[in-house]
All heavy atoms as atom14 arrays in JSON, in Angstrom:
{
  "sequence": "AAETGYSRAHFLRTFRAATGQTPHRYLIEMRLEKARALLASRAMP",
  "atom14_mask": [
    [1, 1, 1, 1, 1, 0, 0, 0, 0, 0, 0, 0, 0, 0],
    [1, 1, 1, 1, 1, 0, 0, 0, 0, 0, 0, 0, 0, 0],
    [1, 1, 1, 1, 1, 1, 1, 1, 1, 0, 0, 0, 0, 0],
    [1, 1, 1, 1, 1, 1, 1, 0, 0, 0, 0, 0, 0, 0],
    [1, 1, 1, 1, 0, 0, 0, 0, 0, 0, 0, 0, 0, 0],
    [1, 1, 1, 1, 1, 1, 1, 1, 1, 1, 1, 1, 0, 0],
    [1, 1, 1, 1, 1, 1, 0, 0, 0, 0, 0, 0, 0, 0],
    [1, 1, 1, 1, 1, 1, 1, 1, 1, 1, 1, 0, 0, 0],
    [1, 1, 1, 1, 1, 0, 0, 0, 0, 0, 0, 0, 0, 0],
    [1, 1, 1, 1, 1, 1, 1, 1, 1, 1, 0, 0, 0, 0],
    [1, 1, 1, 1, 1, 1, 1, 1, 1, 1, 1, 0, 0, 0],
    [1, 1, 1, 1, 1, 1, 1, 1, 0, 0, 0, 0, 0, 0],
    [1, 1, 1, 1, 1, 1, 1, 1, 1, 1, 1, 0, 0, 0],
    [1, 1, 1, 1, 1, 1, 1, 0, 0, 0, 0, 0, 0, 0],
    [1, 1, 1, 1, 1, 1, 1, 1, 1, 1, 1, 0, 0, 0],
    [1, 1, 1, 1, 1, 1, 1, 1, 1, 1, 1, 0, 0, 0],
    [1, 1, 1, 1, 1, 0, 0, 0, 0, 0, 0, 0, 0, 0],
    [1, 1, 1, 1, 1, 0, 0, 0, 0, 0, 0, 0, 0, 0],
    [1, 1, 1, 1, 1, 1, 1, 0, 0, 0, 0, 0, 0, 0],
    [1, 1, 1, 1, 0, 0, 0, 0, 0, 0, 0, 0, 0, 0],
    [1, 1, 1, 1, 1, 1, 1, 1, 1, 0, 0, 0, 0, 0],
    [1, 1, 1, 1, 1, 1, 1, 0, 0, 0, 0, 0, 0, 0],
    [1, 1, 1, 1, 1, 1, 1, 0, 0, 0, 0, 0, 0, 0],
    [1, 1, 1, 1, 1, 1, 1, 1, 1, 1, 0, 0, 0, 0],
    [1, 1, 1, 1, 1, 1, 1, 1, 1, 1, 1, 0, 0, 0],
    [1, 1, 1, 1, 1, 1, 1, 1, 1, 1, 1, 1, 0, 0],
    [1, 1, 1, 1, 1, 1, 1, 1, 0, 0, 0, 0, 0, 0],
    [1, 1, 1, 1, 1, 1, 1, 1, 0, 0, 0, 0, 0, 0],
    [1, 1, 1, 1, 1, 1, 1, 1, 1, 0, 0, 0, 0, 0],
    [1, 1, 1, 1, 1, 1, 1, 1, 0, 0, 0, 0, 0, 0],
    [1, 1, 1, 1, 1, 1, 1, 1, 1, 1, 1, 0, 0, 0],
    [1, 1, 1, 1, 1, 1, 1, 1, 0, 0, 0, 0, 0, 0],
    [1, 1, 1, 1, 1, 1, 1, 1, 1, 0, 0, 0, 0, 0],
    [1, 1, 1, 1, 1, 1, 1, 1, 1, 0, 0, 0, 0, 0],
    [1, 1, 1, 1, 1, 0, 0, 0, 0, 0, 0, 0, 0, 0],
    [1, 1, 1, 1, 1, 1, 1, 1, 1, 1, 1, 0, 0, 0],
    [1, 1, 1, 1, 1, 0, 0, 0, 0, 0, 0, 0, 0, 0],
    [1, 1, 1, 1, 1, 1, 1, 1, 0, 0, 0, 0, 0, 0],
    [1, 1, 1, 1, 1, 1, 1, 1, 0, 0, 0, 0, 0, 0],
    [1, 1, 1, 1, 1, 0, 0, 0, 0, 0, 0, 0, 0, 0],
    [1, 1, 1, 1, 1, 1, 0, 0, 0, 0, 0, 0, 0, 0],
    [1, 1, 1, 1, 1, 1, 1, 1, 1, 1, 1, 0, 0, 0],
    [1, 1, 1, 1, 1, 0, 0, 0, 0, 0, 0, 0, 0, 0],
    [1, 1, 1, 1, 1, 1, 1, 1, 0, 0, 0, 0, 0, 0],
    [1, 1, 1, 1, 1, 1, 1, 0, 0, 0, 0, 0, 0, 0]
  ],
  "atom14_positions": [
    [[-10.83, -4.56, 6.84], [-12.06, -4.6, 7.64], [-13.2, -5.24, 6.86], [-14.03, -5.94, 7.44], [-12.44, -3.18, 8.08], [0.0, 0.0, 0.0], [0.0, 0.0, 0.0], [0.0, 0.0, 0.0], [0.0, 0.0, 0.0], [0.0, 0.0, 0.0], [0.0, 0.0, 0.0], [0.0, 0.0, 0.0], [0.0, 0.0, 0.0], [0.0, 0.0, 0.0]],
    [[-13.23, -5.05, 5.55], [-14.28, -5.64, 4.71], [-14.24, -7.17, 4.77], [-15.28, -7.82, 4.61], [-14.13, -5.17, 3.27], [0.0, 0.0, 0.0], [0.0, 0.0, 0.0], [0.0, 0.0, 0.0], [0.0, 0.0, 0.0], [0.0, 0.0, 0.0], [0.0, 0.0, 0.0], [0.0, 0.0, 0.0], [0.0, 0.0, 0.0], [0.0, 0.0, 0.0]],
    [[-13.07, -7.75, 5.01], [-12.96, -9.2, 5.13], [-13.72, -9.72, 6.36], [-14.06, -10.89, 6.43], [-11.49, -9.62, 5.22], [-10.68, -9.36, 3.97], [-11.05, -10.26, 2.8], [-11.48, -11.41, 3.03], [-10.93, -9.79, 1.65], [0.0, 0.0, 0.0], [0.0, 0.0, 0.0], [0.0, 0.0, 0.0], [0.0, 0.0, 0.0], [0.0, 0.0, 0.0]],
    [[-13.95, -8.85, 7.33], [-14.61, -9.24, 8.57], [-16.06, -8.78, 8.65], [-16.83, -9.3, 9.45], [-13.87, -8.65, 9.79], [-13.99, -7.23, 9.77], [-12.4, -9.04, 9.78], [0.0, 0.0, 0.0], [0.0, 0.0, 0.0], [0.0, 0.0, 0.0], [0.0, 0.0, 0.0], [0.0, 0.0, 0.0], [0.0, 0.0, 0.0], [0.0, 0.0, 0.0]],
    [[-16.4, -7.75, 7.87], [-17.73, -7.17, 7.96], [-17.85, -6.15, 9.09], [-18.93, -5.65, 9.38], [0.0, 0.0, 0.0], [0.0, 0.0, 0.0], [0.0, 0.0, 0.0], [0.0, 0.0, 0.0], [0.0, 0.0, 0.0], [0.0, 0.0, 0.0], [0.0, 0.0, 0.0], [0.0, 0.0, 0.0], [0.0, 0.0, 0.0], [0.0, 0.0, 0.0]],
    [[-16.74, -5.82, 9.74], [-16.73, -4.85, 10.83], [-16.36, -3.47, 10.32], [-15.76, -3.33, 9.26], [-15.7, -5.25, 11.9], [-15.99, -6.52, 12.66], [-14.98, -7.18, 13.33], [-17.26, -7.08, 12.72], [-15.21, -8.35, 14.03], [-17.51, -8.24, 13.42], [-16.48, -8.88, 14.08], [-16.71, -10.02, 14.78], [0.0, 0.0, 0.0], [0.0, 0.0, 0.0]],
    [[-16.66, -2.47, 11.12], [-16.18, -1.12, 10.82], [-14.66, -1.12, 11.01], [-14.1, -2.02, 11.65], [-16.81, -0.1, 11.78], [-16.29, -0.27, 13.09], [0.0, 0.0, 0.0], [0.0, 0.0, 0.0], [0.0, 0.0, 0.0], [0.0, 0.0, 0.0], [0.0, 0.0, 0.0], [0.0, 0.0, 0.0], [0.0, 0.0, 0.0], [0.0, 0.0, 0.0]],
    [[-14.0, -0.1, 10.47], [-12.54, -0.03, 10.6], [-12.1, 0.04, 12.06], [-11.15, -0.63, 12.46], [-12.0, 1.16, 9.81], [-12.15, 0.99, 8.32], [-11.69, 2.19, 7.56], [-12.22, 3.42, 8.15], [-11.76, 4.63, 7.92], [-10.73, 4.8, 7.12], [-12.3, 5.69, 8.47], [0.0, 0.0, 0.0], [0.0, 0.0, 0.0], [0.0, 0.0, 0.0]],
    [[-12.79, 0.86, 12.85], [-12.41, 1.01, 14.26], [-12.6, -0.29, 15.03], [-11.74, -0.7, 15.81], [-13.22, 2.13, 14.9], [0.0, 0.0, 0.0], [0.0, 0.0, 0.0], [0.0, 0.0, 0.0], [0.0, 0.0, 0.0], [0.0, 0.0, 0.0], [0.0, 0.0, 0.0], [0.0, 0.0, 0.0], [0.0, 0.0, 0.0], [0.0, 0.0, 0.0]],
    [[-13.73, -0.97, 14.8], [-13.98, -2.23, 15.49], [-12.99, -3.3, 15.03], [-12.48, -4.08, 15.83], [-15.43, -2.68, 15.25], [-15.83, -3.84, 16.09], [-15.95, -3.74, 17.47], [-16.13, -5.12, 15.77], [-16.31, -4.93, 17.95], [-16.42, -5.77, 16.94], [0.0, 0.0, 0.0], [0.0, 0.0, 0.0], [0.0, 0.0, 0.0], [0.0, 0.0, 0.0]],
    [[-12.71, -3.31, 13.74], [-11.72, -4.26, 13.2], [-10.36, -4.05, 13.86], [-9.7, -5.0, 14.27], [-11.61, -4.11, 11.68], [-10.39, -4.76, 11.12], [-10.26, -6.15, 11.1], [-9.34, -4.0, 10.62], [-9.11, -6.75, 10.6], [-8.2, -4.59, 10.12], [-8.08, -5.98, 10.11], [0.0, 0.0, 0.0], [0.0, 0.0, 0.0], [0.0, 0.0, 0.0]],
    [[-9.92, -2.78, 13.96], [-8.62, -2.49, 14.58], [-8.55, -3.04, 16.0], [-7.58, -3.68, 16.39], [-8.37, -0.98, 14.63], [-7.78, -0.34, 13.39], [-7.81, 1.18, 13.51], [-6.36, -0.82, 13.16], [0.0, 0.0, 0.0], [0.0, 0.0, 0.0], [0.0, 0.0, 0.0], [0.0, 0.0, 0.0], [0.0, 0.0, 0.0], [0.0, 0.0, 0.0]],
    [[-9.6, -2.81, 16.79], [-9.61, -3.28, 18.18], [-9.6, -4.8, 18.26], [-8.85, -5.38, 19.04], [-10.84, -2.73, 18.92], [-10.71, -1.29, 19.35], [-11.83, -0.89, 20.28], [-13.15, -1.06, 19.68], [-13.71, -0.2, 18.84], [-13.08, 0.9, 18.49], [-14.91, -0.43, 18.36], [0.0, 0.0, 0.0], [0.0, 0.0, 0.0], [0.0, 0.0, 0.0]],
    [[-10.46, -5.44, 17.48], [-10.56, -6.89, 17.58], [-9.33, -7.59, 17.01], [-8.91, -8.63, 17.51], [-11.84, -7.41, 16.89], [-11.84, -7.01, 15.51], [-13.09, -6.89, 17.58], [0.0, 0.0, 0.0], [0.0, 0.0, 0.0], [0.0, 0.0, 0.0], [0.0, 0.0, 0.0], [0.0, 0.0, 0.0], [0.0, 0.0, 0.0], [0.0, 0.0, 0.0]],
    [[-8.73, -7.01, 15.96], [-7.51, -7.59, 15.4], [-6.39, -7.53, 16.43], [-5.68, -8.51, 16.65], [-7.1, -6.86, 14.12], [-5.93, -7.49, 13.42], [-6.13, -8.44, 12.43], [-4.61, -7.16, 13.75], [-5.06, -9.04, 11.78], [-3.53, -7.75, 13.11], [-3.76, -8.7, 12.12], [0.0, 0.0, 0.0], [0.0, 0.0, 0.0], [0.0, 0.0, 0.0]],
    [[-6.27, -6.39, 17.09], [-5.21, -6.24, 18.1], [-5.45, -7.18, 19.27], [-4.5, -7.76, 19.81], [-5.15, -4.79, 18.56], [-3.99, -4.56, 19.5], [-3.77, -3.1, 19.78], [-2.37, -2.89, 20.07], [-1.72, -1.78, 19.86], [-2.33, -0.77, 19.33], [-0.46, -1.68, 20.18], [0.0, 0.0, 0.0], [0.0, 0.0, 0.0], [0.0, 0.0, 0.0]],
    [[-6.71, -7.34, 19.67], [-7.03, -8.25, 20.77], [-6.69, -9.69, 20.4], [-6.26, -10.47, 21.24], [-8.5, -8.13, 21.16], [0.0, 0.0, 0.0], [0.0, 0.0, 0.0], [0.0, 0.0, 0.0], [0.0, 0.0, 0.0], [0.0, 0.0, 0.0], [0.0, 0.0, 0.0], [0.0, 0.0, 0.0], [0.0, 0.0, 0.0], [0.0, 0.0, 0.0]],
    [[-6.88, -10.05, 19.13], [-6.62, -11.42, 18.68], [-5.15, -11.7, 18.46], [-4.68, -12.82, 18.7], [-7.39, -11.69, 17.38], [0.0, 0.0, 0.0], [0.0, 0.0, 0.0], [0.0, 0.0, 0.0], [0.0, 0.0, 0.0], [0.0, 0.0, 0.0], [0.0, 0.0, 0.0], [0.0, 0.0, 0.0], [0.0, 0.0, 0.0], [0.0, 0.0, 0.0]],
    [[-4.38, -10.71, 18.02], [-2.98, -10.97, 17.62], [-1.95, -10.28, 18.52], [-0.77, -10.63, 18.46], [-2.73, -10.48, 16.18], [-2.86, -9.06, 16.13], [-3.69, -11.14, 15.2], [0.0, 0.0, 0.0], [0.0, 0.0, 0.0], [0.0, 0.0, 0.0], [0.0, 0.0, 0.0], [0.0, 0.0, 0.0], [0.0, 0.0, 0.0], [0.0, 0.0, 0.0]],
    [[-2.39, -9.28, 19.29], [-1.45, -8.52, 20.09], [-0.7, -7.46, 19.29], [0.21, -6.81, 19.8], [0.0, 0.0, 0.0], [0.0, 0.0, 0.0], [0.0, 0.0, 0.0], [0.0, 0.0, 0.0], [0.0, 0.0, 0.0], [0.0, 0.0, 0.0], [0.0, 0.0, 0.0], [0.0, 0.0, 0.0], [0.0, 0.0, 0.0], [0.0, 0.0, 0.0]],
    [[-1.08, -7.29, 18.02], [-0.41, -6.32, 17.15], [-1.45, -5.57, 16.31], [-2.55, -6.06, 16.09], [0.54, -7.03, 16.18], [1.69, -7.75, 16.86], [2.58, -8.44, 15.85], [2.1, -9.08, 14.91], [3.87, -8.33, 16.03], [0.0, 0.0, 0.0], [0.0, 0.0, 0.0], [0.0, 0.0, 0.0], [0.0, 0.0, 0.0], [0.0, 0.0, 0.0]],
    [[-1.05, -4.39, 15.82], [-1.89, -3.69, 14.87], [-1.81, -4.41, 13.52], [-0.84, -5.14, 13.26], [-1.41, -2.24, 14.67], [-0.11, -2.26, 14.09], [-1.41, -1.47, 15.98], [0.0, 0.0, 0.0], [0.0, 0.0, 0.0], [0.0, 0.0, 0.0], [0.0, 0.0, 0.0], [0.0, 0.0, 0.0], [0.0, 0.0, 0.0], [0.0, 0.0, 0.0]],
    [[-2.79, -4.2, 12.64], [-2.69, -4.82, 11.31], [-1.41, -4.41, 10.58], [-0.77, -5.23, 9.91], [-3.94, -4.3, 10.58], [-4.9, -3.97, 11.67], [-4.07, -3.51, 12.83], [0.0, 0.0, 0.0], [0.0, 0.0, 0.0], [0.0, 0.0, 0.0], [0.0, 0.0, 0.0], [0.0, 0.0, 0.0], [0.0, 0.0, 0.0], [0.0, 0.0, 0.0]],
    [[-1.02, -3.15, 10.71], [0.21, -2.68, 10.05], [1.43, -3.44, 10.56], [2.25, -3.91, 9.78], [0.39, -1.18, 10.25], [1.69, -0.69, 9.72], [2.75, -0.4, 10.54], [2.12, -0.48, 8.45], [3.78, -0.02, 9.8], [3.43, -0.06, 8.53], [0.0, 0.0, 0.0], [0.0, 0.0, 0.0], [0.0, 0.0, 0.0], [0.0, 0.0, 0.0]],
    [[1.56, -3.58, 11.88], [2.71, -4.28, 12.46], [2.72, -5.74, 12.03], [3.77, -6.32, 11.72], [2.65, -4.16, 13.99], [3.83, -4.75, 14.7], [5.07, -3.92, 14.49], [6.06, -4.71, 13.81], [7.11, -4.22, 13.18], [7.33, -2.94, 13.12], [7.97, -5.0, 12.59], [0.0, 0.0, 0.0], [0.0, 0.0, 0.0], [0.0, 0.0, 0.0]],
    [[1.53, -6.36, 11.99], [1.43, -7.76, 11.59], [1.85, -7.93, 10.13], [2.58, -8.87, 9.79], [0.0, -8.27, 11.8], [-0.08, -9.77, 11.91], [-0.13, -10.39, 13.15], [-0.11, -10.57, 10.78], [-0.19, -11.77, 13.28], [-0.17, -11.95, 10.88], [-0.21, -12.54, 12.13], [-0.27, -13.91, 12.24], [0.0, 0.0, 0.0], [0.0, 0.0, 0.0]],
    [[1.43, -7.0, 9.28], [1.8, -7.05, 7.87], [3.31, -6.88, 7.7], [3.94, -7.57, 6.89], [1.04, -5.98, 7.08], [1.28, -5.94, 5.57], [0.84, -7.24, 4.9], [0.56, -4.75, 4.95], [0.0, 0.0, 0.0], [0.0, 0.0, 0.0], [0.0, 0.0, 0.0], [0.0, 0.0, 0.0], [0.0, 0.0, 0.0], [0.0, 0.0, 0.0]],
    [[3.91, -5.98, 8.47], [5.37, -5.79, 8.4], [6.08, -7.08, 8.79], [7.06, -7.49, 8.16], [5.81, -4.61, 9.31], [5.31, -3.29, 8.74], [7.34, -4.58, 9.46], [5.88, -2.89, 7.4], [0.0, 0.0, 0.0], [0.0, 0.0, 0.0], [0.0, 0.0, 0.0], [0.0, 0.0, 0.0], [0.0, 0.0, 0.0], [0.0, 0.0, 0.0]],
    [[5.58, -7.76, 9.83], [6.18, -9.04, 10.25], [6.09, -10.07, 9.12], [7.05, -10.79, 8.87], [5.5, -9.57, 11.51], [5.82, -8.78, 12.76], [7.29, -8.87, 13.15], [7.9, -9.95, 13.02], [7.84, -7.84, 13.6], [0.0, 0.0, 0.0], [0.0, 0.0, 0.0], [0.0, 0.0, 0.0], [0.0, 0.0, 0.0], [0.0, 0.0, 0.0]],
    [[4.95, -10.13, 8.45], [4.79, -11.05, 7.31], [5.81, -10.72, 6.21], [6.42, -11.62, 5.62], [3.38, -10.97, 6.72], [2.31, -11.66, 7.49], [0.73, -11.51, 6.58], [-0.11, -12.95, 7.19], [0.0, 0.0, 0.0], [0.0, 0.0, 0.0], [0.0, 0.0, 0.0], [0.0, 0.0, 0.0], [0.0, 0.0, 0.0], [0.0, 0.0, 0.0]],
    [[5.95, -9.44, 5.93], [6.88, -9.01, 4.89], [8.31, -9.35, 5.26], [9.1, -9.79, 4.41], [6.73, -7.51, 4.65], [5.44, -7.14, 3.97], [5.25, -5.64, 3.88], [4.09, -5.32, 3.06], [3.61, -4.11, 2.9], [4.21, -3.08, 3.49], [2.56, -3.9, 2.14], [0.0, 0.0, 0.0], [0.0, 0.0, 0.0], [0.0, 0.0, 0.0]],
    [[8.66, -9.17, 6.52], [10.02, -9.47, 6.96], [10.31, -10.96, 6.91], [11.42, -11.37, 6.54], [10.25, -8.93, 8.38], [10.36, -7.41, 8.48], [10.32, -6.96, 9.93], [11.62, -6.92, 7.79], [0.0, 0.0, 0.0], [0.0, 0.0, 0.0], [0.0, 0.0, 0.0], [0.0, 0.0, 0.0], [0.0, 0.0, 0.0], [0.0, 0.0, 0.0]],
    [[9.33, -11.78, 7.25], [9.52, -13.23, 7.16], [9.71, -13.67, 5.7], [10.54, -14.52, 5.4], [8.36, -13.98, 7.81], [8.36, -13.92, 9.32], [9.65, -14.45, 9.96], [10.25, -15.41, 9.44], [10.06, -13.89, 10.99], [0.0, 0.0, 0.0], [0.0, 0.0, 0.0], [0.0, 0.0, 0.0], [0.0, 0.0, 0.0], [0.0, 0.0, 0.0]],
    [[8.94, -13.07, 4.81], [9.1, -13.39, 3.38], [10.48, -12.93, 2.9], [11.16, -13.66, 2.17], [8.0, -12.71, 2.56], [8.09, -13.05, 1.08], [6.94, -12.47, 0.3], [7.06, -12.87, -1.18], [5.94, -12.37, -1.98], [0.0, 0.0, 0.0], [0.0, 0.0, 0.0], [0.0, 0.0, 0.0], [0.0, 0.0, 0.0], [0.0, 0.0, 0.0]],
    [[10.9, -11.75, 3.33], [12.22, -11.24, 2.94], [13.31, -12.17, 3.46], [14.28, -12.47, 2.75], [12.43, -9.83, 3.48], [0.0, 0.0, 0.0], [0.0, 0.0, 0.0], [0.0, 0.0, 0.0], [0.0, 0.0, 0.0], [0.0, 0.0, 0.0], [0.0, 0.0, 0.0], [0.0, 0.0, 0.0], [0.0, 0.0, 0.0], [0.0, 0.0, 0.0]],
    [[13.17, -12.63, 4.68], [14.17, -13.53, 5.26], [14.29, -14.82, 4.46], [15.39, -15.29, 4.19], [13.82, -13.83, 6.72], [14.93, -14.52, 7.46], [14.8, -14.38, 8.94], [13.68, -15.13, 9.47], [13.57, -15.49, 10.73], [14.51, -15.16, 11.59], [12.52, -16.15, 11.14], [0.0, 0.0, 0.0], [0.0, 0.0, 0.0], [0.0, 0.0, 0.0]],
    [[13.16, -15.37, 4.04], [13.18, -16.59, 3.22], [13.84, -16.33, 1.87], [14.63, -17.15, 1.38], [11.76, -17.12, 3.03], [0.0, 0.0, 0.0], [0.0, 0.0, 0.0], [0.0, 0.0, 0.0], [0.0, 0.0, 0.0], [0.0, 0.0, 0.0], [0.0, 0.0, 0.0], [0.0, 0.0, 0.0], [0.0, 0.0, 0.0], [0.0, 0.0, 0.0]],
    [[13.52, -15.18, 1.25], [14.12, -14.85, -0.04], [15.62, -14.59, 0.09], [16.4, -14.95, -0.81], [13.43, -13.64, -0.66], [11.99, -13.87, -1.13], [11.33, -12.56, -1.53], [11.95, -14.87, -2.29], [0.0, 0.0, 0.0], [0.0, 0.0, 0.0], [0.0, 0.0, 0.0], [0.0, 0.0, 0.0], [0.0, 0.0, 0.0], [0.0, 0.0, 0.0]],
    [[16.03, -13.99, 1.19], [17.47, -13.76, 1.42], [18.22, -15.08, 1.54], [19.34, -15.21, 1.06], [17.67, -12.93, 2.69], [17.35, -11.45, 2.57], [17.23, -10.82, 3.95], [18.4, -10.73, 1.74], [0.0, 0.0, 0.0], [0.0, 0.0, 0.0], [0.0, 0.0, 0.0], [0.0, 0.0, 0.0], [0.0, 0.0, 0.0], [0.0, 0.0, 0.0]],
    [[17.6, -16.05, 2.18], [18.25, -17.35, 2.37], [18.47, -18.07, 1.04], [19.42, -18.83, 0.89], [17.43, -18.22, 3.31], [0.0, 0.0, 0.0], [0.0, 0.0, 0.0], [0.0, 0.0, 0.0], [0.0, 0.0, 0.0], [0.0, 0.0, 0.0], [0.0, 0.0, 0.0], [0.0, 0.0, 0.0], [0.0, 0.0, 0.0], [0.0, 0.0, 0.0]],
    [[17.61, -17.81, 0.06], [17.75, -18.49, -1.24], [18.86, -17.89, -2.09], [19.34, -18.52, -3.01], [16.43, -18.45, -2.01], [16.21, -17.14, -2.51], [0.0, 0.0, 0.0], [0.0, 0.0, 0.0], [0.0, 0.0, 0.0], [0.0, 0.0, 0.0], [0.0, 0.0, 0.0], [0.0, 0.0, 0.0], [0.0, 0.0, 0.0], [0.0, 0.0, 0.0]],
    [[19.24, -16.63, -1.78], [20.31, -15.92, -2.49], [20.04, -15.71, -3.98], [20.94, -15.39, -4.73], [21.66, -16.64, -2.34], [22.12, -16.71, -0.93], [23.45, -17.42, -0.86], [23.85, -17.59, 0.51], [24.91, -17.03, 1.05], [25.69, -16.27, 0.34], [25.21, -17.25, 2.31], [0.0, 0.0, 0.0], [0.0, 0.0, 0.0], [0.0, 0.0, 0.0]],
    [[18.82, -15.93, -4.42], [18.54, -15.85, -5.85], [18.22, -14.44, -6.34], [18.37, -14.15, -7.52], [17.37, -16.78, -6.2], [0.0, 0.0, 0.0], [0.0, 0.0, 0.0], [0.0, 0.0, 0.0], [0.0, 0.0, 0.0], [0.0, 0.0, 0.0], [0.0, 0.0, 0.0], [0.0, 0.0, 0.0], [0.0, 0.0, 0.0], [0.0, 0.0, 0.0]],
    [[17.77, -13.55, -5.45], [17.31, -12.22, -5.88], [18.19, -11.12, -5.31], [18.63, -11.21, -4.16], [15.87, -11.99, -5.39], [14.83, -12.88, -6.01], [13.19, -12.61, -5.24], [12.75, -11.03, -5.93], [0.0, 0.0, 0.0], [0.0, 0.0, 0.0], [0.0, 0.0, 0.0], [0.0, 0.0, 0.0], [0.0, 0.0, 0.0], [0.0, 0.0, 0.0]],
    [[18.39, -10.03, -6.07], [19.06, -8.85, -5.53], [18.2, -8.22, -4.42], [16.97, -8.35, -4.43], [19.18, -7.9, -6.72], [18.91, -8.73, -7.93], [18.07, -9.89, -7.49], [0.0, 0.0, 0.0], [0.0, 0.0, 0.0], [0.0, 0.0, 0.0], [0.0, 0.0, 0.0], [0.0, 0.0, 0.0], [0.0, 0.0, 0.0], [0.0, 0.0, 0.0]]
  ]
}
């Protein structure tokens, strides 16, 4: 929320309106995409 200058509640509403997801869900999607790319490289356990 500090990145936007909004309160946490206002940030949650506006983020969801902009992305269709909560910040937590969006972050999980980012993490899963990164994991998928790392899995494709086969370099890491």
